[in-house]
Amino acid sequence: MGPPIVERIQAVSPIPLDMHLMISDADRWAPGYAEMGAYSVTFHAEATTDPVALARKIRDIGARAGIALKPGTDPEPYLELLPEFDQVLVMTVEPGFGGQSFMPDMMPKLRRFAEARAKHGLDVWLQVDGGITVDTIGIAAEAGADTFVAGSAVYGGVPEERIADLRIAAAQHKH
């Protein structure tokens, strides 16, 4: 969704918007989403020249700043930068299209962020996106995720019922 659609949703939605920008040149575009009033703006680590400067700019505007890491992205450089972010999104599929299978081999990466968050006493949300279902949400919750993105698992049935089932499954395995 581009800026005009986001602006319109923001104008009428009582629900805070969590924007996950799968775009190149996040340095140019991400601050605009914060300026529109998005609650949080997450950009991909690979799409910025300076993730810390971009996160600070987003925070200065008044939104939460999140960084997303694709499956092949090494988490190590971002562990020491964790205080600069409000949210870390560990992609549990290769970004690009819905309906992909959850990648359980991303859980060690997620655990590293959960350990760093606990070690430093940070209030950083750990989000997962990709292949989240009632069968996989518990795996991610056990590894430290506290924020979940589910598309097919929600819209493949009655959304309210599917969301309730996901919440129950996550709560049973909360880290």
N, C-alpha and C. Protein backbone atom coordinates (compact mmCIF):
# COMPACT_ATOMS: atom_id res chain seq x y z
N MET A 1 0.84 -1.18 0.00
CA MET A 1 0.00 0.00 0.00
C MET A 1 0.89 1.24 0.00
N GLY A 2 0.56 2.14 -0.87
CA GLY A 2 1.33 3.37 -0.94
C GLY A 2 0.78 4.43 0.00
N PRO A 3 1.46 5.56 0.06
CA PRO A 3 1.08 6.63 0.99
C PRO A 3 -0.39 7.08 0.91
N PRO A 4 -1.00 7.24 -0.27
CA PRO A 4 -2.39 7.69 -0.27
C PRO A 4 -3.34 6.72 0.44
N ILE A 5 -3.14 5.44 0.25
CA ILE A 5 -3.99 4.45 0.90
C ILE A 5 -3.74 4.44 2.40
N VAL A 6 -2.47 4.50 2.79
CA VAL A 6 -2.13 4.52 4.21
C VAL A 6 -2.72 5.75 4.89
N GLU A 7 -2.61 6.89 4.24
CA GLU A 7 -3.18 8.12 4.81
C GLU A 7 -4.68 7.97 5.05
N ARG A 8 -5.37 7.37 4.11
CA ARG A 8 -6.82 7.22 4.24
C ARG A 8 -7.16 6.24 5.35
N ILE A 9 -6.45 5.12 5.43
CA ILE A 9 -6.70 4.15 6.50
C ILE A 9 -6.40 4.79 7.85
N GLN A 10 -5.28 5.50 7.94
CA GLN A 10 -4.90 6.17 9.19
C GLN A 10 -5.98 7.14 9.63
N ALA A 11 -6.62 7.82 8.69
CA ALA A 11 -7.64 8.82 9.02
C ALA A 11 -8.89 8.21 9.63
N VAL A 12 -9.18 6.95 9.33
CA VAL A 12 -10.43 6.35 9.80
C VAL A 12 -10.25 5.17 10.76
N SER A 13 -9.05 4.66 10.90
CA SER A 13 -8.84 3.46 11.70
C SER A 13 -8.62 3.77 13.18
N PRO A 14 -9.38 3.10 14.04
CA PRO A 14 -9.12 3.24 15.48
C PRO A 14 -7.94 2.35 15.91
N ILE A 15 -7.48 1.50 15.01
CA ILE A 15 -6.40 0.55 15.31
C ILE A 15 -5.07 1.17 14.88
N PRO A 16 -4.07 1.17 15.76
CA PRO A 16 -2.76 1.71 15.38
C PRO A 16 -2.17 0.94 14.20
N LEU A 17 -1.60 1.67 13.26
CA LEU A 17 -1.02 1.04 12.07
C LEU A 17 0.44 0.66 12.32
N ASP A 18 0.74 -0.60 12.05
CA ASP A 18 2.09 -1.14 12.14
C ASP A 18 2.54 -1.37 10.71
N MET A 19 3.36 -0.47 10.20
CA MET A 19 3.77 -0.51 8.80
C MET A 19 5.05 -1.31 8.63
N HIS A 20 4.98 -2.35 7.79
CA HIS A 20 6.15 -3.14 7.44
C HIS A 20 6.47 -2.79 5.99
N LEU A 21 7.51 -2.01 5.79
CA LEU A 21 7.86 -1.50 4.47
C LEU A 21 8.81 -2.44 3.76
N MET A 22 8.29 -3.14 2.77
CA MET A 22 9.13 -4.01 1.96
C MET A 22 9.47 -3.23 0.69
N ILE A 23 10.33 -2.23 0.87
CA ILE A 23 10.69 -1.31 -0.20
C ILE A 23 12.20 -1.11 -0.22
N SER A 24 12.70 -0.66 -1.35
CA SER A 24 14.10 -0.24 -1.39
C SER A 24 14.12 1.25 -1.04
N ASP A 25 15.27 1.74 -0.70
CA ASP A 25 15.45 3.15 -0.34
C ASP A 25 14.57 3.57 0.83
N ALA A 26 14.63 2.78 1.89
CA ALA A 26 13.86 3.09 3.10
C ALA A 26 14.25 4.44 3.68
N ASP A 27 15.50 4.85 3.50
CA ASP A 27 15.94 6.14 4.02
C ASP A 27 15.08 7.27 3.47
N ARG A 28 14.68 7.14 2.23
CA ARG A 28 13.86 8.17 1.59
C ARG A 28 12.39 8.08 2.00
N TRP A 29 11.84 6.88 2.05
CA TRP A 29 10.40 6.72 2.17
C TRP A 29 9.87 6.46 3.58
N ALA A 30 10.63 5.79 4.43
CA ALA A 30 10.12 5.39 5.75
C ALA A 30 9.68 6.57 6.62
N PRO A 31 10.43 7.66 6.69
CA PRO A 31 9.97 8.77 7.55
C PRO A 31 8.59 9.30 7.19
N GLY A 32 8.23 9.25 5.93
CA GLY A 32 6.92 9.72 5.49
C GLY A 32 5.78 8.95 6.12
N TYR A 33 5.98 7.66 6.34
CA TYR A 33 4.93 6.84 6.96
C TYR A 33 4.77 7.23 8.43
N ALA A 34 5.87 7.57 9.08
CA ALA A 34 5.79 8.06 10.46
C ALA A 34 5.06 9.40 10.49
N GLU A 35 5.35 10.26 9.52
CA GLU A 35 4.70 11.56 9.45
C GLU A 35 3.20 11.44 9.22
N MET A 36 2.76 10.37 8.57
CA MET A 36 1.33 10.14 8.35
C MET A 36 0.62 9.69 9.62
N GLY A 37 1.40 9.38 10.66
CA GLY A 37 0.80 8.98 11.92
C GLY A 37 0.85 7.50 12.22
N ALA A 38 1.60 6.73 11.43
CA ALA A 38 1.72 5.30 11.72
C ALA A 38 2.27 5.12 13.13
N TYR A 39 1.76 4.13 13.83
CA TYR A 39 2.21 3.84 15.19
C TYR A 39 3.63 3.30 15.18
N SER A 40 3.90 2.41 14.23
CA SER A 40 5.25 1.88 14.09
C SER A 40 5.59 1.72 12.61
N VAL A 41 6.87 1.92 12.32
CA VAL A 41 7.37 1.81 10.96
C VAL A 41 8.58 0.88 10.99
N THR A 42 8.45 -0.23 10.28
CA THR A 42 9.53 -1.21 10.21
C THR A 42 10.09 -1.23 8.80
N PHE A 43 11.40 -1.13 8.71
CA PHE A 43 12.11 -1.15 7.43
C PHE A 43 13.08 -2.31 7.44
N HIS A 44 13.46 -2.77 6.26
CA HIS A 44 14.41 -3.87 6.16
C HIS A 44 15.84 -3.36 6.32
N ALA A 45 16.61 -4.11 7.08
CA ALA A 45 18.01 -3.76 7.32
C ALA A 45 18.76 -3.57 6.00
N GLU A 46 18.40 -4.38 5.02
CA GLU A 46 19.09 -4.35 3.73
C GLU A 46 18.69 -3.16 2.87
N ALA A 47 17.68 -2.42 3.28
CA ALA A 47 17.15 -1.33 2.44
C ALA A 47 17.54 0.05 2.94
N THR A 48 18.50 0.11 3.86
CA THR A 48 18.94 1.40 4.40
C THR A 48 20.45 1.46 4.44
N THR A 49 20.97 2.66 4.30
CA THR A 49 22.43 2.83 4.40
C THR A 49 22.87 3.01 5.84
N ASP A 50 21.96 3.47 6.72
CA ASP A 50 22.29 3.70 8.13
C ASP A 50 21.05 3.42 8.97
N PRO A 51 20.89 2.16 9.42
CA PRO A 51 19.68 1.81 10.15
C PRO A 51 19.48 2.59 11.44
N VAL A 52 20.54 2.94 12.12
CA VAL A 52 20.42 3.69 13.37
C VAL A 52 19.90 5.10 13.11
N ALA A 53 20.48 5.77 12.12
CA ALA A 53 20.02 7.13 11.79
C ALA A 53 18.57 7.12 11.36
N LEU A 54 18.17 6.12 10.57
CA LEU A 54 16.79 6.04 10.12
C LEU A 54 15.85 5.77 11.30
N ALA A 55 16.24 4.87 12.19
CA ALA A 55 15.41 4.58 13.37
C ALA A 55 15.25 5.83 14.24
N ARG A 56 16.33 6.55 14.42
CA ARG A 56 16.26 7.78 15.22
C ARG A 56 15.34 8.81 14.58
N LYS A 57 15.38 8.92 13.26
CA LYS A 57 14.52 9.87 12.56
C LYS A 57 13.05 9.48 12.74
N ILE A 58 12.75 8.19 12.60
CA ILE A 58 11.38 7.70 12.77
C ILE A 58 10.91 7.97 14.20
N ARG A 59 11.76 7.70 15.18
CA ARG A 59 11.41 7.96 16.58
C ARG A 59 11.20 9.45 16.84
N ASP A 60 12.06 10.28 16.26
CA ASP A 60 11.93 11.73 16.45
C ASP A 60 10.60 12.25 15.93
N ILE A 61 10.08 11.62 14.89
CA ILE A 61 8.79 12.02 14.33
C ILE A 61 7.65 11.59 15.26
N GLY A 62 7.89 10.53 16.03
CA GLY A 62 6.87 10.09 16.99
C GLY A 62 6.36 8.68 16.82
N ALA A 63 6.97 7.91 15.91
CA ALA A 63 6.56 6.52 15.71
C ALA A 63 7.59 5.57 16.33
N ARG A 64 7.16 4.36 16.55
CA ARG A 64 8.09 3.31 16.97
C ARG A 64 8.90 2.90 15.74
N ALA A 65 10.18 2.61 15.93
CA ALA A 65 11.06 2.22 14.83
C ALA A 65 11.37 0.74 14.92
N GLY A 66 11.13 0.05 13.81
CA GLY A 66 11.42 -1.38 13.76
C GLY A 66 12.36 -1.70 12.63
N ILE A 67 13.14 -2.76 12.83
CA ILE A 67 14.04 -3.23 11.78
C ILE A 67 13.69 -4.68 11.48
N ALA A 68 13.61 -5.00 10.19
CA ALA A 68 13.29 -6.35 9.74
C ALA A 68 14.55 -7.00 9.19
N LEU A 69 14.69 -8.29 9.50
CA LEU A 69 15.84 -9.05 9.01
C LEU A 69 15.34 -10.23 8.19
N LYS A 70 15.78 -10.31 6.95
CA LYS A 70 15.43 -11.43 6.10
C LYS A 70 16.13 -12.69 6.61
N PRO A 71 15.67 -13.87 6.20
CA PRO A 71 16.28 -15.11 6.71
C PRO A 71 17.79 -15.18 6.56
N GLY A 72 18.34 -14.68 5.47
CA GLY A 72 19.78 -14.77 5.26
C GLY A 72 20.61 -13.70 5.94
N THR A 73 19.97 -12.76 6.62
CA THR A 73 20.69 -11.64 7.24
C THR A 73 21.26 -12.06 8.59
N ASP A 74 22.55 -11.81 8.76
CA ASP A 74 23.24 -12.12 10.02
C ASP A 74 22.73 -11.21 11.13
N PRO A 75 22.28 -11.76 12.26
CA PRO A 75 21.75 -10.92 13.34
C PRO A 75 22.83 -10.21 14.15
N GLU A 76 24.05 -10.70 14.12
CA GLU A 76 25.10 -10.20 15.02
C GLU A 76 25.27 -8.68 15.02
N PRO A 77 25.38 -8.02 13.87
CA PRO A 77 25.58 -6.57 13.91
C PRO A 77 24.43 -5.82 14.58
N TYR A 78 23.25 -6.41 14.56
CA TYR A 78 22.06 -5.72 15.08
C TYR A 78 21.82 -5.99 16.56
N LEU A 79 22.46 -7.02 17.09
CA LEU A 79 22.29 -7.32 18.52
C LEU A 79 22.82 -6.18 19.38
N GLU A 80 23.98 -5.63 19.00
CA GLU A 80 24.54 -4.54 19.80
C GLU A 80 23.82 -3.22 19.55
N LEU A 81 23.05 -3.15 18.48
CA LEU A 81 22.28 -1.94 18.16
C LEU A 81 20.86 -2.01 18.72
N LEU A 82 20.53 -3.08 19.41
CA LEU A 82 19.16 -3.31 19.85
C LEU A 82 18.51 -2.13 20.57
N PRO A 83 19.21 -1.39 21.42
CA PRO A 83 18.57 -0.25 22.09
C PRO A 83 18.07 0.84 21.13
N GLU A 84 18.54 0.83 19.90
CA GLU A 84 18.15 1.84 18.92
C GLU A 84 16.78 1.57 18.28
N PHE A 85 16.25 0.38 18.55
CA PHE A 85 15.00 -0.03 17.91
C PHE A 85 13.92 -0.33 18.95
N ASP A 86 12.67 -0.18 18.53
CA ASP A 86 11.55 -0.53 19.38
C ASP A 86 11.01 -1.91 19.05
N GLN A 87 11.39 -2.40 17.88
CA GLN A 87 10.88 -3.68 17.42
C GLN A 87 11.88 -4.29 16.46
N VAL A 88 12.04 -5.61 16.55
CA VAL A 88 12.84 -6.36 15.59
C VAL A 88 11.91 -7.40 14.96
N LEU A 89 11.85 -7.38 13.65
CA LEU A 89 11.03 -8.34 12.91
C LEU A 89 11.96 -9.38 12.30
N VAL A 90 11.84 -10.60 12.78
CA VAL A 90 12.59 -11.71 12.22
C VAL A 90 11.69 -12.39 11.20
N MET A 91 12.06 -12.26 9.93
CA MET A 91 11.26 -12.86 8.88
C MET A 91 11.39 -14.39 8.94
N THR A 92 10.24 -15.06 8.96
CA THR A 92 10.24 -16.52 9.04
C THR A 92 9.87 -17.14 7.69
N VAL A 93 9.94 -16.32 6.64
CA VAL A 93 9.87 -16.74 5.24
C VAL A 93 10.72 -15.74 4.46
N GLU A 94 11.03 -16.06 3.23
CA GLU A 94 11.65 -15.07 2.35
C GLU A 94 10.56 -14.08 1.97
N PRO A 95 10.76 -12.79 2.18
CA PRO A 95 9.69 -11.84 1.88
C PRO A 95 9.34 -11.80 0.40
N GLY A 96 8.06 -11.52 0.14
CA GLY A 96 7.65 -11.36 -1.24
C GLY A 96 6.21 -11.76 -1.51
N PHE A 97 5.77 -12.88 -0.94
CA PHE A 97 4.38 -13.29 -1.19
C PHE A 97 3.88 -14.15 -0.04
N GLY A 98 2.56 -14.17 0.12
CA GLY A 98 1.94 -14.89 1.22
C GLY A 98 1.82 -16.38 0.96
N GLY A 99 1.46 -17.11 2.02
CA GLY A 99 1.21 -18.53 1.92
C GLY A 99 2.44 -19.41 1.98
N GLN A 100 3.61 -18.85 2.29
CA GLN A 100 4.83 -19.66 2.36
C GLN A 100 4.90 -20.42 3.67
N SER A 101 5.73 -21.44 3.69
CA SER A 101 5.91 -22.26 4.89
C SER A 101 6.86 -21.60 5.88
N PHE A 102 6.51 -21.69 7.14
CA PHE A 102 7.30 -21.21 8.27
C PHE A 102 8.68 -21.85 8.26
N MET A 103 9.71 -21.05 8.54
CA MET A 103 11.08 -21.54 8.57
C MET A 103 11.54 -21.67 10.03
N PRO A 104 11.41 -22.87 10.61
CA PRO A 104 11.80 -23.02 12.02
C PRO A 104 13.28 -22.76 12.28
N ASP A 105 14.10 -22.82 11.24
CA ASP A 105 15.53 -22.56 11.43
C ASP A 105 15.83 -21.09 11.70
N MET A 106 14.80 -20.23 11.73
CA MET A 106 14.98 -18.84 12.12
C MET A 106 14.86 -18.65 13.63
N MET A 107 14.48 -19.71 14.35
CA MET A 107 14.27 -19.58 15.80
C MET A 107 15.55 -19.30 16.58
N PRO A 108 16.71 -19.85 16.20
CA PRO A 108 17.94 -19.45 16.91
C PRO A 108 18.21 -17.95 16.79
N LYS A 109 17.93 -17.36 15.63
CA LYS A 109 18.12 -15.92 15.44
C LYS A 109 17.18 -15.16 16.39
N LEU A 110 15.92 -15.59 16.44
CA LEU A 110 14.95 -14.96 17.32
C LEU A 110 15.38 -15.09 18.78
N ARG A 111 15.87 -16.27 19.17
CA ARG A 111 16.34 -16.48 20.55
C ARG A 111 17.49 -15.54 20.91
N ARG A 112 18.39 -15.29 19.95
CA ARG A 112 19.52 -14.39 20.20
C ARG A 112 19.00 -12.99 20.56
N PHE A 113 17.97 -12.54 19.84
CA PHE A 113 17.40 -11.23 20.15
C PHE A 113 16.67 -11.25 21.49
N ALA A 114 15.98 -12.34 21.80
CA ALA A 114 15.29 -12.45 23.08
C ALA A 114 16.30 -12.42 24.23
N GLU A 115 17.41 -13.11 24.05
CA GLU A 115 18.46 -13.12 25.08
C GLU A 115 19.06 -11.72 25.26
N ALA A 116 19.33 -11.04 24.17
CA ALA A 116 19.91 -9.69 24.23
C ALA A 116 18.92 -8.72 24.88
N ARG A 117 17.66 -8.86 24.55
CA ARG A 117 16.63 -8.00 25.14
C ARG A 117 16.59 -8.21 26.66
N ALA A 118 16.59 -9.45 27.09
CA ALA A 118 16.55 -9.75 28.53
C ALA A 118 17.83 -9.29 29.23
N LYS A 119 18.96 -9.54 28.61
CA LYS A 119 20.26 -9.17 29.20
C LYS A 119 20.35 -7.68 29.48
N HIS A 120 19.83 -6.87 28.56
CA HIS A 120 19.93 -5.42 28.69
C HIS A 120 18.66 -4.78 29.25
N GLY A 121 17.65 -5.60 29.59
CA GLY A 121 16.41 -5.09 30.16
C GLY A 121 15.67 -4.13 29.25
N LEU A 122 15.64 -4.45 27.96
CA LEU A 122 15.04 -3.56 26.98
C LEU A 122 13.56 -3.87 26.74
N ASP A 123 12.82 -2.85 26.39
CA ASP A 123 11.41 -3.00 26.00
C ASP A 123 11.35 -2.97 24.48
N VAL A 124 11.83 -4.05 23.87
CA VAL A 124 11.85 -4.17 22.42
C VAL A 124 10.93 -5.33 22.05
N TRP A 125 9.97 -5.06 21.18
CA TRP A 125 9.07 -6.12 20.73
C TRP A 125 9.80 -6.98 19.72
N LEU A 126 9.57 -8.29 19.80
CA LEU A 126 10.14 -9.23 18.85
C LEU A 126 9.00 -9.80 18.02
N GLN A 127 9.02 -9.48 16.75
CA GLN A 127 7.93 -9.83 15.84
C GLN A 127 8.40 -10.90 14.86
N VAL A 128 7.47 -11.76 14.47
CA VAL A 128 7.73 -12.74 13.42
C VAL A 128 6.67 -12.59 12.34
N ASP A 129 7.07 -12.84 11.10
CA ASP A 129 6.17 -12.71 9.96
C ASP A 129 6.53 -13.77 8.95
N GLY A 130 5.55 -14.61 8.65
CA GLY A 130 5.75 -15.61 7.62
C GLY A 130 5.40 -17.00 8.09
N GLY A 131 4.35 -17.57 7.53
CA GLY A 131 3.97 -18.94 7.86
C GLY A 131 3.43 -19.12 9.26
N ILE A 132 2.93 -18.04 9.86
CA ILE A 132 2.41 -18.13 11.23
C ILE A 132 1.01 -18.74 11.20
N THR A 133 0.86 -19.87 11.88
CA THR A 133 -0.40 -20.59 11.98
C THR A 133 -0.58 -21.04 13.42
N VAL A 134 -1.70 -21.70 13.73
CA VAL A 134 -1.87 -22.22 15.10
C VAL A 134 -0.82 -23.28 15.40
N ASP A 135 -0.24 -23.89 14.37
CA ASP A 135 0.79 -24.91 14.58
C ASP A 135 2.20 -24.33 14.74
N THR A 136 2.43 -23.11 14.25
CA THR A 136 3.79 -22.55 14.31
C THR A 136 3.92 -21.39 15.29
N ILE A 137 2.82 -20.77 15.67
CA ILE A 137 2.91 -19.59 16.53
C ILE A 137 3.53 -19.94 17.89
N GLY A 138 3.25 -21.13 18.39
CA GLY A 138 3.83 -21.55 19.67
C GLY A 138 5.34 -21.70 19.61
N ILE A 139 5.84 -22.18 18.47
CA ILE A 139 7.29 -22.33 18.29
C ILE A 139 7.95 -20.96 18.38
N ALA A 140 7.34 -19.97 17.71
CA ALA A 140 7.89 -18.61 17.73
C ALA A 140 7.75 -17.98 19.11
N ALA A 141 6.63 -18.21 19.79
CA ALA A 141 6.44 -17.66 21.13
C ALA A 141 7.47 -18.24 22.10
N GLU A 142 7.72 -19.53 22.02
CA GLU A 142 8.73 -20.16 22.88
C GLU A 142 10.11 -19.57 22.65
N ALA A 143 10.40 -19.17 21.42
CA ALA A 143 11.71 -18.61 21.08
C ALA A 143 11.83 -17.14 21.47
N GLY A 144 10.71 -16.53 21.91
CA GLY A 144 10.78 -15.15 22.40
C GLY A 144 9.91 -14.14 21.66
N ALA A 145 9.23 -14.54 20.60
CA ALA A 145 8.38 -13.60 19.87
C ALA A 145 7.19 -13.20 20.74
N ASP A 146 6.83 -11.93 20.64
CA ASP A 146 5.66 -11.45 21.38
C ASP A 146 4.70 -10.70 20.47
N THR A 147 5.05 -10.57 19.19
CA THR A 147 4.22 -9.89 18.21
C THR A 147 4.24 -10.74 16.95
N PHE A 148 3.05 -11.02 16.41
CA PHE A 148 2.93 -11.98 15.32
C PHE A 148 2.15 -11.40 14.15
N VAL A 149 2.62 -11.68 12.94
CA VAL A 149 1.91 -11.28 11.74
C VAL A 149 1.39 -12.56 11.09
N ALA A 150 0.09 -12.60 10.88
CA ALA A 150 -0.53 -13.77 10.25
C ALA A 150 -1.50 -13.29 9.19
N GLY A 151 -1.33 -13.78 8.00
CA GLY A 151 -2.21 -13.41 6.90
C GLY A 151 -3.13 -14.56 6.54
N SER A 152 -2.57 -15.58 5.90
CA SER A 152 -3.36 -16.72 5.45
C SER A 152 -4.07 -17.41 6.61
N ALA A 153 -3.42 -17.47 7.76
CA ALA A 153 -4.02 -18.13 8.93
C ALA A 153 -5.23 -17.38 9.45
N VAL A 154 -5.30 -16.09 9.20
CA VAL A 154 -6.43 -15.28 9.65
C VAL A 154 -7.52 -15.25 8.60
N TYR A 155 -7.14 -15.00 7.36
CA TYR A 155 -8.12 -14.77 6.32
C TYR A 155 -8.54 -16.05 5.60
N GLY A 156 -8.05 -17.20 6.05
CA GLY A 156 -8.47 -18.48 5.49
C GLY A 156 -9.73 -19.00 6.16
N GLY A 157 -10.34 -18.20 6.99
CA GLY A 157 -11.56 -18.59 7.70
C GLY A 157 -12.23 -17.35 8.24
N VAL A 158 -12.96 -17.51 9.34
CA VAL A 158 -13.60 -16.38 9.98
C VAL A 158 -12.52 -15.66 10.78
N PRO A 159 -12.14 -14.44 10.38
CA PRO A 159 -11.00 -13.77 11.02
C PRO A 159 -11.05 -13.72 12.55
N GLU A 160 -12.18 -13.36 13.12
CA GLU A 160 -12.27 -13.26 14.59
C GLU A 160 -11.97 -14.60 15.26
N GLU A 161 -12.47 -15.68 14.68
CA GLU A 161 -12.24 -17.01 15.24
C GLU A 161 -10.78 -17.42 15.08
N ARG A 162 -10.23 -17.13 13.91
CA ARG A 162 -8.84 -17.49 13.65
C ARG A 162 -7.89 -16.72 14.57
N ILE A 163 -8.16 -15.45 14.79
CA ILE A 163 -7.32 -14.64 15.68
C ILE A 163 -7.39 -15.18 17.11
N ALA A 164 -8.59 -15.53 17.56
CA ALA A 164 -8.75 -16.09 18.91
C ALA A 164 -7.94 -17.38 19.04
N ASP A 165 -7.99 -18.24 18.03
CA ASP A 165 -7.23 -19.50 18.06
C ASP A 165 -5.72 -19.23 18.10
N LEU A 166 -5.27 -18.25 17.33
CA LEU A 166 -3.85 -17.91 17.33
C LEU A 166 -3.41 -17.39 18.69
N ARG A 167 -4.23 -16.54 19.30
CA ARG A 167 -3.89 -15.99 20.62
C ARG A 167 -3.79 -17.09 21.67
N ILE A 168 -4.70 -18.04 21.62
CA ILE A 168 -4.66 -19.15 22.57
C ILE A 168 -3.39 -19.97 22.36
N ALA A 169 -3.09 -20.30 21.12
CA ALA A 169 -1.90 -21.10 20.81
C ALA A 169 -0.62 -20.39 21.24
N ALA A 170 -0.55 -19.08 21.03
CA ALA A 170 0.65 -18.31 21.44
C ALA A 170 0.77 -18.29 22.95
N ALA A 171 -0.33 -18.04 23.64
CA ALA A 171 -0.31 -17.94 25.11
C ALA A 171 0.12 -19.25 25.76
N GLN A 172 -0.20 -20.38 25.16
CA GLN A 172 0.18 -21.67 25.72
C GLN A 172 1.68 -21.92 25.66
N HIS A 173 2.37 -21.17 24.84
CA HIS A 173 3.82 -21.39 24.65
C HIS A 173 4.65 -20.15 24.94
N LYS A 174 4.04 -19.15 25.56
CA LYS A 174 4.74 -17.88 25.78
C LYS A 174 6.04 -18.11 26.53
N HIS A 175 7.06 -17.45 26.05
CA HIS A 175 8.42 -17.55 26.61
C HIS A 175 8.50 -16.90 27.98
